[in-house]
Amino acid sequence: VQLQASGGGSVQAGGSLKLSCVSSGNTFNGYAMGWFRQKPGSEREFVAAISRGGSMLKYADSVKGRFTVSRDNAKNTLYLQMDTLKPEDTAVYYCARDANAVPSVESAAYRYWGQGTLVTVSS
């Protein structure tokens, strides 16, 4: 399984970006998917996750109400719509595939990881 994340870039505070993550293979719809991020000098942290069918969503408190995770199983693609971005959202964002159908907030539950895409938010 290969995951290819894209959509990162530079934006001013208050702006929006939409990240995409395309998965190879034909098992995308069998697993939960998640987004994590790593800020400079910090550990990787959970951002959002979605169950295999899209009915269960989980968000970190820091992004709740601003970010929206979604997926299109027909296109093997995971999305993260990021609105009202803040400078503290600056990080490398990673998509990952959970080992289960129900999403976890723990990075150890994710077996496959994308290469990351950089999001920079300026004040």
C-alpha atoms as a PDB file:
ATOM      1  CA  VAL A   1       0.000   0.000   0.000  1.00  0.00           C
ATOM      2  CA  GLN A   2       1.300   3.417  -0.938  1.00  0.00           C
ATOM      3  CA  LEU A   3      -0.187   6.688   0.245  1.00  0.00           C
ATOM      4  CA  GLN A   4       0.467   9.921  -1.620  1.00  0.00           C
ATOM      5  CA  ALA A   5      -0.434  13.141   0.175  1.00  0.00           C
ATOM      6  CA  SER A   6      -0.725  16.486  -1.593  1.00  0.00           C
ATOM      7  CA  GLY A   7      -2.278  19.913  -1.247  1.00  0.00           C
ATOM      8  CA  GLY A   8       0.061  21.536   1.232  1.00  0.00           C
ATOM      9  CA  GLY A   9       1.345  25.048   0.761  1.00  0.00           C
ATOM     10  CA  SER A  10       1.656  28.480   2.280  1.00  0.00           C
ATOM     11  CA  VAL A  11      -1.357  30.474   3.382  1.00  0.00           C
ATOM     12  CA  GLN A  12      -2.101  33.437   5.601  1.00  0.00           C
ATOM     13  CA  ALA A  13      -3.878  33.041   8.910  1.00  0.00           C
ATOM     14  CA  GLY A  14      -7.612  32.702   8.408  1.00  0.00           C
ATOM     15  CA  GLY A  15      -7.174  31.029   5.050  1.00  0.00           C
ATOM     16  CA  SER A  16      -8.021  27.533   3.878  1.00  0.00           C
ATOM     17  CA  LEU A  17      -6.301  24.536   2.335  1.00  0.00           C
ATOM     18  CA  LYS A  18      -7.533  21.109   1.303  1.00  0.00           C
ATOM     19  CA  LEU A  19      -5.218  18.138   1.597  1.00  0.00           C
ATOM     20  CA  SER A  20      -5.685  14.961  -0.405  1.00  0.00           C
ATOM     21  CA  CYS A  21      -4.253  11.499   0.071  1.00  0.00           C
ATOM     22  CA  VAL A  22      -4.518   8.893  -2.664  1.00  0.00           C
ATOM     23  CA  SER A  23      -4.078   5.237  -1.791  1.00  0.00           C
ATOM     24  CA  SER A  24      -2.829   2.523  -4.086  1.00  0.00           C
ATOM     25  CA  GLY A  25      -4.389  -0.926  -4.138  1.00  0.00           C
ATOM     26  CA  ASN A  26      -7.973  -2.043  -3.854  1.00  0.00           C
ATOM     27  CA  THR A  27      -8.431  -2.277  -0.089  1.00  0.00           C
ATOM     28  CA  PHE A  28      -8.907   1.415   0.692  1.00  0.00           C
ATOM     29  CA  ASN A  29     -12.553   1.021   1.692  1.00  0.00           C
ATOM     30  CA  GLY A  30     -11.754  -1.699   4.219  1.00  0.00           C
ATOM     31  CA  TYR A  31      -9.868   0.478   6.690  1.00  0.00           C
ATOM     32  CA  ALA A  32     -10.113   3.624   8.716  1.00  0.00           C
ATOM     33  CA  MET A  33      -7.853   6.480   7.678  1.00  0.00           C
ATOM     34  CA  GLY A  34      -6.266   9.306   9.611  1.00  0.00           C
ATOM     35  CA  TRP A  35      -4.327  12.534   9.430  1.00  0.00           C
ATOM     36  CA  PHE A  36      -1.451  13.367  11.733  1.00  0.00           C
ATOM     37  CA  ARG A  37       0.915  16.310  11.826  1.00  0.00           C
ATOM     38  CA  GLN A  38       4.372  17.042  13.095  1.00  0.00           C
ATOM     39  CA  LYS A  39       5.394  20.537  14.074  1.00  0.00           C
ATOM     40  CA  PRO A  40       9.063  21.557  14.138  1.00  0.00           C
ATOM     41  CA  GLY A  41      10.722  20.168  17.241  1.00  0.00           C
ATOM     42  CA  SER A  42       7.634  18.243  18.325  1.00  0.00           C
ATOM     43  CA  GLU A  43       6.271  14.728  18.281  1.00  0.00           C
ATOM     44  CA  ARG A  44       3.792  13.640  15.646  1.00  0.00           C
ATOM     45  CA  GLU A  45       0.246  14.338  16.809  1.00  0.00           C
ATOM     46  CA  PHE A  46      -3.218  13.168  15.853  1.00  0.00           C
ATOM     47  CA  VAL A  47      -5.362  15.547  13.805  1.00  0.00           C
ATOM     48  CA  ALA A  48      -8.413  13.697  12.457  1.00  0.00           C
ATOM     49  CA  ALA A  49      -9.620  10.245  11.469  1.00  0.00           C
ATOM     50  CA  ILE A  50     -12.518   8.609   9.683  1.00  0.00           C
ATOM     51  CA  SER A  51     -13.971   5.111   9.707  1.00  0.00           C
ATOM     52  CA  ARG A  52     -13.937   2.979   6.586  1.00  0.00           C
ATOM     53  CA  GLY A  53     -17.493   3.923   5.650  1.00  0.00           C
ATOM     54  CA  GLY A  54     -17.206   7.536   6.751  1.00  0.00           C
ATOM     55  CA  SER A  55     -19.805   7.387   9.505  1.00  0.00           C
ATOM     56  CA  MET A  56     -17.408   7.814  12.433  1.00  0.00           C
ATOM     57  CA  LEU A  57     -15.205  10.889  12.660  1.00  0.00           C
ATOM     58  CA  LYS A  58     -12.646  11.868  15.265  1.00  0.00           C
ATOM     59  CA  TYR A  59     -10.851  15.189  15.703  1.00  0.00           C
ATOM     60  CA  ALA A  60      -8.187  16.629  17.925  1.00  0.00           C
ATOM     61  CA  ASP A  61      -9.601  19.357  20.153  1.00  0.00           C
ATOM     62  CA  SER A  62      -7.238  21.875  18.573  1.00  0.00           C
ATOM     63  CA  VAL A  63      -8.833  21.482  15.121  1.00  0.00           C
ATOM     64  CA  LYS A  64     -12.434  20.683  16.006  1.00  0.00           C
ATOM     65  CA  GLY A  65     -14.801  23.044  14.210  1.00  0.00           C
ATOM     66  CA  ARG A  66     -12.117  24.176  11.754  1.00  0.00           C
ATOM     67  CA  PHE A  67     -10.999  20.982   9.997  1.00  0.00           C
ATOM     68  CA  THR A  68     -13.169  18.405   8.219  1.00  0.00           C
ATOM     69  CA  VAL A  69     -12.029  14.905   7.307  1.00  0.00           C
ATOM     70  CA  SER A  70     -13.768  13.013   4.521  1.00  0.00           C
ATOM     71  CA  ARG A  71     -13.144  10.216   2.054  1.00  0.00           C
ATOM     72  CA  ASP A  72     -14.231   9.078  -1.387  1.00  0.00           C
ATOM     73  CA  ASN A  73     -13.893   5.305  -1.491  1.00  0.00           C
ATOM     74  CA  ALA A  74     -14.640   5.210  -5.215  1.00  0.00           C
ATOM     75  CA  LYS A  75     -11.523   7.328  -5.779  1.00  0.00           C
ATOM     76  CA  ASN A  76      -9.363   5.751  -3.028  1.00  0.00           C
ATOM     77  CA  THR A  77      -8.889   9.240  -1.676  1.00  0.00           C
ATOM     78  CA  LEU A  78      -8.843  10.784   1.793  1.00  0.00           C
ATOM     79  CA  TYR A  79      -9.318  14.512   2.313  1.00  0.00           C
ATOM     80  CA  LEU A  80      -8.698  17.097   5.005  1.00  0.00           C
ATOM     81  CA  GLN A  81     -10.417  20.447   4.544  1.00  0.00           C
ATOM     82  CA  MET A  82      -8.664  22.992   6.734  1.00  0.00           C
ATOM     83  CA  ASP A  83     -10.415  26.304   7.361  1.00  0.00           C
ATOM     84  CA  THR A  84      -9.630  29.270   9.601  1.00  0.00           C
ATOM     85  CA  LEU A  85      -6.000  28.236   9.654  1.00  0.00           C
ATOM     86  CA  LYS A  86      -3.761  29.513  12.426  1.00  0.00           C
ATOM     87  CA  PRO A  87       0.024  29.887  12.579  1.00  0.00           C
ATOM     88  CA  GLU A  88       0.088  27.032  15.106  1.00  0.00           C
ATOM     89  CA  ASP A  89      -1.288  24.723  12.392  1.00  0.00           C
ATOM     90  CA  THR A  90       2.070  24.968  10.620  1.00  0.00           C
ATOM     91  CA  ALA A  91       3.387  21.416  10.317  1.00  0.00           C
ATOM     92  CA  VAL A  92       4.077  18.529   8.006  1.00  0.00           C
ATOM     93  CA  TYR A  93       0.806  16.660   7.570  1.00  0.00           C
ATOM     94  CA  TYR A  94       0.752  12.896   7.113  1.00  0.00           C
ATOM     95  CA  CYS A  95      -2.029  10.597   6.026  1.00  0.00           C
ATOM     96  CA  ALA A  96      -2.098   7.059   7.337  1.00  0.00           C
ATOM     97  CA  ARG A  97      -4.091   3.856   7.067  1.00  0.00           C
ATOM     98  CA  ASP A  98      -5.363   2.295  10.259  1.00  0.00           C
ATOM     99  CA  ALA A  99      -5.097  -1.446  10.796  1.00  0.00           C
ATOM    100  CA  ASN A 100      -8.824  -1.537  11.619  1.00  0.00           C
ATOM    101  CA  ALA A 101     -12.148  -0.270  10.301  1.00  0.00           C
ATOM    102  CA  VAL A 102     -12.745   1.936  13.356  1.00  0.00           C
ATOM    103  CA  PRO A 103     -10.392   4.942  13.590  1.00  0.00           C
ATOM    104  CA  SER A 104      -7.853   5.333  16.355  1.00  0.00           C
ATOM    105  CA  VAL A 105      -6.215   8.498  17.685  1.00  0.00           C
ATOM    106  CA  GLU A 106      -3.006   6.584  18.417  1.00  0.00           C
ATOM    107  CA  SER A 107      -0.294   6.589  15.766  1.00  0.00           C
ATOM    108  CA  ALA A 108       0.727   3.065  16.743  1.00  0.00           C
ATOM    109  CA  ALA A 109      -2.560   1.789  15.302  1.00  0.00           C
ATOM    110  CA  TYR A 110      -1.648   2.978  11.811  1.00  0.00           C
ATOM    111  CA  ARG A 111       0.304   0.613   9.615  1.00  0.00           C
ATOM    112  CA  TYR A 112       0.890   2.595   6.430  1.00  0.00           C
ATOM    113  CA  TRP A 113       2.001   6.220   6.165  1.00  0.00           C
ATOM    114  CA  GLY A 114       2.262   8.752   3.370  1.00  0.00           C
ATOM    115  CA  GLN A 115       5.308  10.918   2.804  1.00  0.00           C
ATOM    116  CA  GLY A 116       3.872  14.118   4.291  1.00  0.00           C
ATOM    117  CA  THR A 117       2.944  17.492   2.881  1.00  0.00           C
ATOM    118  CA  LEU A 118       4.044  20.808   4.395  1.00  0.00           C
ATOM    119  CA  VAL A 119       1.495  23.375   5.508  1.00  0.00           C
ATOM    120  CA  THR A 120       2.795  26.815   6.466  1.00  0.00           C
ATOM    121  CA  VAL A 121       0.467  29.412   7.964  1.00  0.00           C
ATOM    122  CA  SER A 122       1.780  32.939   8.343  1.00  0.00           C
ATOM    123  CA  SER A 123       0.370  35.598  10.649  1.00  0.00           C
END
